[in-house]
PDB file of N, CA and C in Angstrom:
ATOM      1  N   UNK A   1       0.842  -1.164   0.000  1.00  0.00           N
ATOM      2  CA  UNK A   1       0.000   0.000   0.000  1.00  0.00           C
ATOM      3  C   UNK A   1       0.893   1.234   0.000  1.00  0.00           C
ATOM      4  N   UNK A   2       0.590   2.165  -0.862  1.00  0.00           N
ATOM      5  CA  UNK A   2       1.351   3.403  -0.960  1.00  0.00           C
ATOM      6  C   UNK A   2       0.818   4.400   0.062  1.00  0.00           C
ATOM      7  N   UNK A   3       1.616   4.788   1.058  1.00  0.00           N
ATOM      8  CA  UNK A   3       1.123   5.711   2.091  1.00  0.00           C
ATOM      9  C   UNK A   3       0.837   7.110   1.561  1.00  0.00           C
ATOM     10  N   UNK A   4       1.323   7.448   0.366  1.00  0.00           N
ATOM     11  CA  UNK A   4       1.077   8.770  -0.208  1.00  0.00           C
ATOM     12  C   UNK A   4      -0.238   8.843  -0.979  1.00  0.00           C
ATOM     13  N   UNK A   5      -0.880   7.708  -1.169  1.00  0.00           N
ATOM     14  CA  UNK A   5      -2.123   7.673  -1.925  1.00  0.00           C
ATOM     15  C   UNK A   5      -3.272   7.306  -0.995  1.00  0.00           C
ATOM     16  N   UNK A   6      -4.280   8.167  -0.896  1.00  0.00           N
ATOM     17  CA  UNK A   6      -5.410   7.819  -0.021  1.00  0.00           C
ATOM     18  C   UNK A   6      -6.200   6.660  -0.611  1.00  0.00           C
ATOM     19  N   UNK A   7      -6.786   5.815   0.236  1.00  0.00           N
ATOM     20  CA  UNK A   7      -7.588   4.704  -0.281  1.00  0.00           C
ATOM     21  C   UNK A   7      -8.871   5.216  -0.922  1.00  0.00           C
ATOM     22  N   UNK A   8      -9.405   4.419  -1.804  1.00  0.00           N
ATOM     23  CA  UNK A   8     -10.651   4.731  -2.493  1.00  0.00           C
ATOM     24  C   UNK A   8     -11.662   3.643  -2.192  1.00  0.00           C
ATOM     25  N   UNK A   9     -12.916   3.949  -2.438  1.00  0.00           N
ATOM     26  CA  UNK A   9     -13.973   2.958  -2.303  1.00  0.00           C
ATOM     27  C   UNK A   9     -14.807   2.971  -3.571  1.00  0.00           C
ATOM     28  N   UNK A  10     -15.195   1.781  -4.007  1.00  0.00           N
ATOM     29  CA  UNK A  10     -16.013   1.629  -5.199  1.00  0.00           C
ATOM     30  C   UNK A  10     -17.185   0.723  -4.826  1.00  0.00           C
ATOM     31  N   UNK A  11     -18.380   1.108  -5.239  1.00  0.00           N
ATOM     32  CA  UNK A  11     -19.563   0.292  -5.005  1.00  0.00           C
ATOM     33  C   UNK A  11     -19.978  -0.355  -6.315  1.00  0.00           C
ATOM     34  N   UNK A  12     -20.061  -1.679  -6.293  1.00  0.00           N
ATOM     35  CA  UNK A  12     -20.469  -2.448  -7.474  1.00  0.00           C
ATOM     36  C   UNK A  12     -21.766  -3.178  -7.149  1.00  0.00           C
ATOM     37  N   UNK A  13     -22.647  -3.257  -8.124  1.00  0.00           N
ATOM     38  CA  UNK A  13     -23.910  -3.966  -7.926  1.00  0.00           C
ATOM     39  C   UNK A  13     -23.898  -5.270  -8.694  1.00  0.00           C
ATOM     40  N   UNK A  14     -24.448  -6.291  -8.076  1.00  0.00           N
ATOM     41  CA  UNK A  14     -24.539  -7.616  -8.680  1.00  0.00           C
ATOM     42  C   UNK A  14     -26.008  -8.023  -8.753  1.00  0.00           C
ATOM     43  N   UNK A  15     -26.362  -8.742  -9.774  1.00  0.00           N
ATOM     44  CA  UNK A  15     -27.715  -9.273  -9.885  1.00  0.00           C
ATOM     45  C   UNK A  15     -27.921 -10.523  -9.042  1.00  0.00           C
ATOM     46  N   UNK A  16     -26.803 -11.154  -8.630  1.00  0.00           N
ATOM     47  CA  UNK A  16     -26.877 -12.368  -7.807  1.00  0.00           C
ATOM     48  C   UNK A  16     -25.717 -12.334  -6.825  1.00  0.00           C
ATOM     49  N   UNK A  17     -25.934 -11.688  -5.690  1.00  0.00           N
ATOM     50  CA  UNK A  17     -24.864 -11.477  -4.704  1.00  0.00           C
ATOM     51  C   UNK A  17     -24.326 -12.807  -4.163  1.00  0.00           C
ATOM     52  N   UNK A  18     -25.193 -13.798  -4.015  1.00  0.00           N
ATOM     53  CA  UNK A  18     -24.734 -15.078  -3.480  1.00  0.00           C
ATOM     54  C   UNK A  18     -23.769 -15.770  -4.447  1.00  0.00           C
ATOM     55  N   UNK A  19     -24.095 -15.763  -5.740  1.00  0.00           N
ATOM     56  CA  UNK A  19     -23.211 -16.376  -6.740  1.00  0.00           C
ATOM     57  C   UNK A  19     -21.901 -15.597  -6.851  1.00  0.00           C
ATOM     58  N   UNK A  20     -21.976 -14.265  -6.820  1.00  0.00           N
ATOM     59  CA  UNK A  20     -20.768 -13.445  -6.913  1.00  0.00           C
ATOM     60  C   UNK A  20     -19.862 -13.704  -5.714  1.00  0.00           C
ATOM     61  N   UNK A  21     -20.455 -13.772  -4.523  1.00  0.00           N
ATOM     62  CA  UNK A  21     -19.693 -14.026  -3.294  1.00  0.00           C
ATOM     63  C   UNK A  21     -19.035 -15.406  -3.347  1.00  0.00           C
ATOM     64  N   UNK A  22     -19.790 -16.411  -3.775  1.00  0.00           N
ATOM     65  CA  UNK A  22     -19.238 -17.765  -3.880  1.00  0.00           C
ATOM     66  C   UNK A  22     -18.085 -17.815  -4.878  1.00  0.00           C
ATOM     67  N   UNK A  23     -18.232 -17.125  -6.003  1.00  0.00           N
ATOM     68  CA  UNK A  23     -17.173 -17.115  -7.013  1.00  0.00           C
ATOM     69  C   UNK A  23     -15.932 -16.397  -6.499  1.00  0.00           C
ATOM     70  N   UNK A  24     -16.116 -15.298  -5.783  1.00  0.00           N
ATOM     71  CA  UNK A  24     -14.973 -14.571  -5.214  1.00  0.00           C
ATOM     72  C   UNK A  24     -14.192 -15.476  -4.265  1.00  0.00           C
ATOM     73  N   UNK A  25     -14.890 -16.205  -3.422  1.00  0.00           N
ATOM     74  CA  UNK A  25     -14.225 -17.135  -2.498  1.00  0.00           C
ATOM     75  C   UNK A  25     -13.576 -18.292  -3.254  1.00  0.00           C
ATOM     76  N   UNK A  26     -14.249 -18.799  -4.280  1.00  0.00           N
ATOM     77  CA  UNK A  26     -13.686 -19.896  -5.078  1.00  0.00           C
ATOM     78  C   UNK A  26     -12.405 -19.453  -5.782  1.00  0.00           C
ATOM     79  N   UNK A  27     -12.317 -18.163  -6.096  1.00  0.00           N
ATOM     80  CA  UNK A  27     -11.118 -17.617  -6.732  1.00  0.00           C
ATOM     81  C   UNK A  27     -10.026 -17.288  -5.724  1.00  0.00           C
ATOM     82  N   UNK A  28     -10.258 -17.589  -4.447  1.00  0.00           N
ATOM     83  CA  UNK A  28      -9.230 -17.417  -3.432  1.00  0.00           C
ATOM     84  C   UNK A  28      -9.208 -16.061  -2.746  1.00  0.00           C
ATOM     85  N   UNK A  29     -10.224 -15.233  -2.987  1.00  0.00           N
ATOM     86  CA  UNK A  29     -10.253 -13.934  -2.318  1.00  0.00           C
ATOM     87  C   UNK A  29     -10.720 -14.097  -0.876  1.00  0.00           C
ATOM     88  N   UNK A  30     -10.099 -13.353   0.015  1.00  0.00           N
ATOM     89  CA  UNK A  30     -10.482 -13.358   1.420  1.00  0.00           C
ATOM     90  C   UNK A  30     -11.658 -12.402   1.583  1.00  0.00           C
ATOM     91  N   UNK A  31     -12.860 -12.954   1.591  1.00  0.00           N
ATOM     92  CA  UNK A  31     -14.063 -12.131   1.673  1.00  0.00           C
ATOM     93  C   UNK A  31     -14.817 -12.440   2.953  1.00  0.00           C
ATOM     94  N   UNK A  32     -15.310 -11.417   3.625  1.00  0.00           N
ATOM     95  CA  UNK A  32     -16.133 -11.662   4.806  1.00  0.00           C
ATOM     96  C   UNK A  32     -17.509 -12.183   4.380  1.00  0.00           C
ATOM     97  N   UNK A  33     -18.274 -12.649   5.346  1.00  0.00           N
ATOM     98  CA  UNK A  33     -19.640 -13.063   5.044  1.00  0.00           C
ATOM     99  C   UNK A  33     -20.435 -11.863   4.540  1.00  0.00           C
ATOM    100  N   UNK A  34     -21.509 -12.160   3.833  1.00  0.00           N
ATOM    101  CA  UNK A  34     -22.392 -11.089   3.371  1.00  0.00           C
ATOM    102  C   UNK A  34     -23.054 -10.445   4.581  1.00  0.00           C
ATOM    103  N   UNK A  35     -23.314  -9.155   4.466  1.00  0.00           N
ATOM    104  CA  UNK A  35     -23.923  -8.391   5.543  1.00  0.00           C
ATOM    105  C   UNK A  35     -25.239  -7.811   5.039  1.00  0.00           C
ATOM    106  N   UNK A  36     -26.168  -7.600   5.936  1.00  0.00           N
ATOM    107  CA  UNK A  36     -27.430  -6.956   5.594  1.00  0.00           C
ATOM    108  C   UNK A  36     -27.587  -5.736   6.486  1.00  0.00           C
ATOM    109  N   UNK A  37     -27.141  -4.583   5.999  1.00  0.00           N
ATOM    110  CA  UNK A  37     -27.286  -3.363   6.792  1.00  0.00           C
ATOM    111  C   UNK A  37     -28.749  -2.925   6.844  1.00  0.00           C
ATOM    112  N   UNK A  38     -28.992  -1.795   7.442  1.00  0.00           N
ATOM    113  CA  UNK A  38     -30.357  -1.324   7.659  1.00  0.00           C
ATOM    114  C   UNK A  38     -31.092  -0.932   6.383  1.00  0.00           C
ATOM    115  N   UNK A  39     -30.386  -0.701   5.299  1.00  0.00           N
ATOM    116  CA  UNK A  39     -31.038  -0.365   4.035  1.00  0.00           C
ATOM    117  C   UNK A  39     -31.234  -1.639   3.218  1.00  0.00           C
ATOM    118  N   UNK A  40     -31.979  -1.579   2.174  1.00  0.00           N
ATOM    119  CA  UNK A  40     -32.446  -2.754   1.429  1.00  0.00           C
ATOM    120  C   UNK A  40     -31.378  -3.312   0.480  1.00  0.00           C
ATOM    121  N   UNK A  41     -30.260  -3.732   1.051  1.00  0.00           N
ATOM    122  CA  UNK A  41     -29.150  -4.258   0.262  1.00  0.00           C
ATOM    123  C   UNK A  41     -28.429  -5.347   1.046  1.00  0.00           C
ATOM    124  N   UNK A  42     -28.006  -6.400   0.348  1.00  0.00           N
ATOM    125  CA  UNK A  42     -27.051  -7.363   0.926  1.00  0.00           C
ATOM    126  C   UNK A  42     -25.725  -7.048   0.277  1.00  0.00           C
ATOM    127  N   UNK A  43     -24.644  -7.134   1.050  1.00  0.00           N
ATOM    128  CA  UNK A  43     -23.351  -6.711   0.515  1.00  0.00           C
ATOM    129  C   UNK A  43     -22.204  -7.394   1.235  1.00  0.00           C
ATOM    130  N   UNK A  44     -21.034  -7.294   0.622  1.00  0.00           N
ATOM    131  CA  UNK A  44     -19.779  -7.675   1.253  1.00  0.00           C
ATOM    132  C   UNK A  44     -18.694  -6.811   0.649  1.00  0.00           C
ATOM    133  N   UNK A  45     -17.509  -6.875   1.214  1.00  0.00           N
ATOM    134  CA  UNK A  45     -16.436  -6.013   0.743  1.00  0.00           C
ATOM    135  C   UNK A  45     -15.198  -6.834   0.424  1.00  0.00           C
ATOM    136  N   UNK A  46     -14.388  -6.279  -0.457  1.00  0.00           N
ATOM    137  CA  UNK A  46     -13.074  -6.828  -0.771  1.00  0.00           C
ATOM    138  C   UNK A  46     -12.095  -5.672  -0.684  1.00  0.00           C
ATOM    139  N   UNK A  47     -11.010  -5.858   0.055  1.00  0.00           N
ATOM    140  CA  UNK A  47      -9.952  -4.850   0.127  1.00  0.00           C
ATOM    141  C   UNK A  47      -8.796  -5.315  -0.743  1.00  0.00           C
ATOM    142  N   UNK A  48      -8.365  -4.450  -1.668  1.00  0.00           N
ATOM    143  CA  UNK A  48      -7.252  -4.848  -2.530  1.00  0.00           C
ATOM    144  C   UNK A  48      -5.917  -4.492  -1.871  1.00  0.00           C
ATOM    145  N   UNK A  49      -4.810  -4.984  -2.412  1.00  0.00           N
ATOM    146  CA  UNK A  49      -3.501  -4.762  -1.804  1.00  0.00           C
ATOM    147  C   UNK A  49      -3.099  -3.287  -1.685  1.00  0.00           C
ATOM    148  N   UNK A  50      -3.707  -2.408  -2.483  1.00  0.00           N
ATOM    149  CA  UNK A  50      -3.384  -0.984  -2.418  1.00  0.00           C
ATOM    150  C   UNK A  50      -4.260  -0.230  -1.433  1.00  0.00           C
ATOM    151  N   UNK A  51      -5.115  -0.940  -0.719  1.00  0.00           N
ATOM    152  CA  UNK A  51      -5.952  -0.295   0.281  1.00  0.00           C
ATOM    153  C   UNK A  51      -7.291   0.195  -0.235  1.00  0.00           C
ATOM    154  N   UNK A  52      -7.599  -0.105  -1.484  1.00  0.00           N
ATOM    155  CA  UNK A  52      -8.896   0.278  -2.027  1.00  0.00           C
ATOM    156  C   UNK A  52      -9.948  -0.716  -1.550  1.00  0.00           C
ATOM    157  N   UNK A  53     -11.130  -0.224  -1.288  1.00  0.00           N
ATOM    158  CA  UNK A  53     -12.218  -1.082  -0.833  1.00  0.00           C
ATOM    159  C   UNK A  53     -13.273  -1.180  -1.914  1.00  0.00           C
ATOM    160  N   UNK A  54     -13.629  -2.415  -2.243  1.00  0.00           N
ATOM    161  CA  UNK A  54     -14.694  -2.685  -3.201  1.00  0.00           C
ATOM    162  C   UNK A  54     -15.889  -3.216  -2.425  1.00  0.00           C
ATOM    163  N   UNK A  55     -16.996  -2.505  -2.488  1.00  0.00           N
ATOM    164  CA  UNK A  55     -18.242  -2.965  -1.883  1.00  0.00           C
ATOM    165  C   UNK A  55     -19.062  -3.585  -3.003  1.00  0.00           C
ATOM    166  N   UNK A  56     -19.506  -4.819  -2.819  1.00  0.00           N
ATOM    167  CA  UNK A  56     -20.336  -5.491  -3.799  1.00  0.00           C
ATOM    168  C   UNK A  56     -21.686  -5.729  -3.141  1.00  0.00           C
ATOM    169  N   UNK A  57     -22.746  -5.257  -3.797  1.00  0.00           N
ATOM    170  CA  UNK A  57     -24.056  -5.364  -3.185  1.00  0.00           C
ATOM    171  C   UNK A  57     -25.134  -5.721  -4.175  1.00  0.00           C
ATOM    172  N   UNK A  58     -26.271  -6.133  -3.626  1.00  0.00           N
ATOM    173  CA  UNK A  58     -27.457  -6.412  -4.423  1.00  0.00           C
ATOM    174  C   UNK A  58     -28.642  -5.718  -3.766  1.00  0.00           C
ATOM    175  N   UNK A  59     -29.196  -4.768  -4.473  1.00  0.00           N
ATOM    176  CA  UNK A  59     -30.341  -4.011  -3.979  1.00  0.00           C
ATOM    177  C   UNK A  59     -31.571  -4.921  -3.956  1.00  0.00           C
ATOM    178  N   UNK A  60     -32.354  -4.809  -2.910  1.00  0.00           N
ATOM    179  CA  UNK A  60     -33.583  -5.581  -2.806  1.00  0.00           C
ATOM    180  C   UNK A  60     -33.364  -6.999  -2.330  1.00  0.00           C
ATOM    181  N   UNK A  61     -32.158  -7.318  -1.876  1.00  0.00           N
ATOM    182  CA  UNK A  61     -31.854  -8.675  -1.442  1.00  0.00           C
ATOM    183  C   UNK A  61     -31.695  -8.757   0.074  1.00  0.00           C
ATOM    184  N   UNK A  62     -32.132  -7.735   0.790  1.00  0.00           N
ATOM    185  CA  UNK A  62     -31.927  -7.684   2.236  1.00  0.00           C
ATOM    186  C   UNK A  62     -32.627  -8.825   2.965  1.00  0.00           C
ATOM    187  N   UNK A  63     -33.666  -9.373   2.373  1.00  0.00           N
ATOM    188  CA  UNK A  63     -34.379 -10.472   3.018  1.00  0.00           C
ATOM    189  C   UNK A  63     -33.719 -11.821   2.747  1.00  0.00           C
ATOM    190  N   UNK A  64     -32.587 -11.813   2.031  1.00  0.00           N
ATOM    191  CA  UNK A  64     -31.876 -13.040   1.732  1.00  0.00           C
ATOM    192  C   UNK A  64     -32.321 -13.713   0.456  1.00  0.00           C
ATOM    193  N   UNK A  65     -33.212 -13.061  -0.262  1.00  0.00           N
ATOM    194  CA  UNK A  65     -33.703 -13.657  -1.510  1.00  0.00           C
ATOM    195  C   UNK A  65     -32.715 -13.493  -2.628  1.00  0.00           C
TER     196      UNK A  65
END
């Protein structure tokens, strides 16, 4: 991570958060479990080696559907 560069965050939307999460783990990425915050989205995050955070979410999937 370059200390002179501030980290960034990117929000990506998936049509199937469960399949995307499973594929990320199958590809060897260290991903936390999916989270369901107070808004109508299920999501998880991936932090890259440069300190950037990728949030992957699916709108309308908060009920686990």
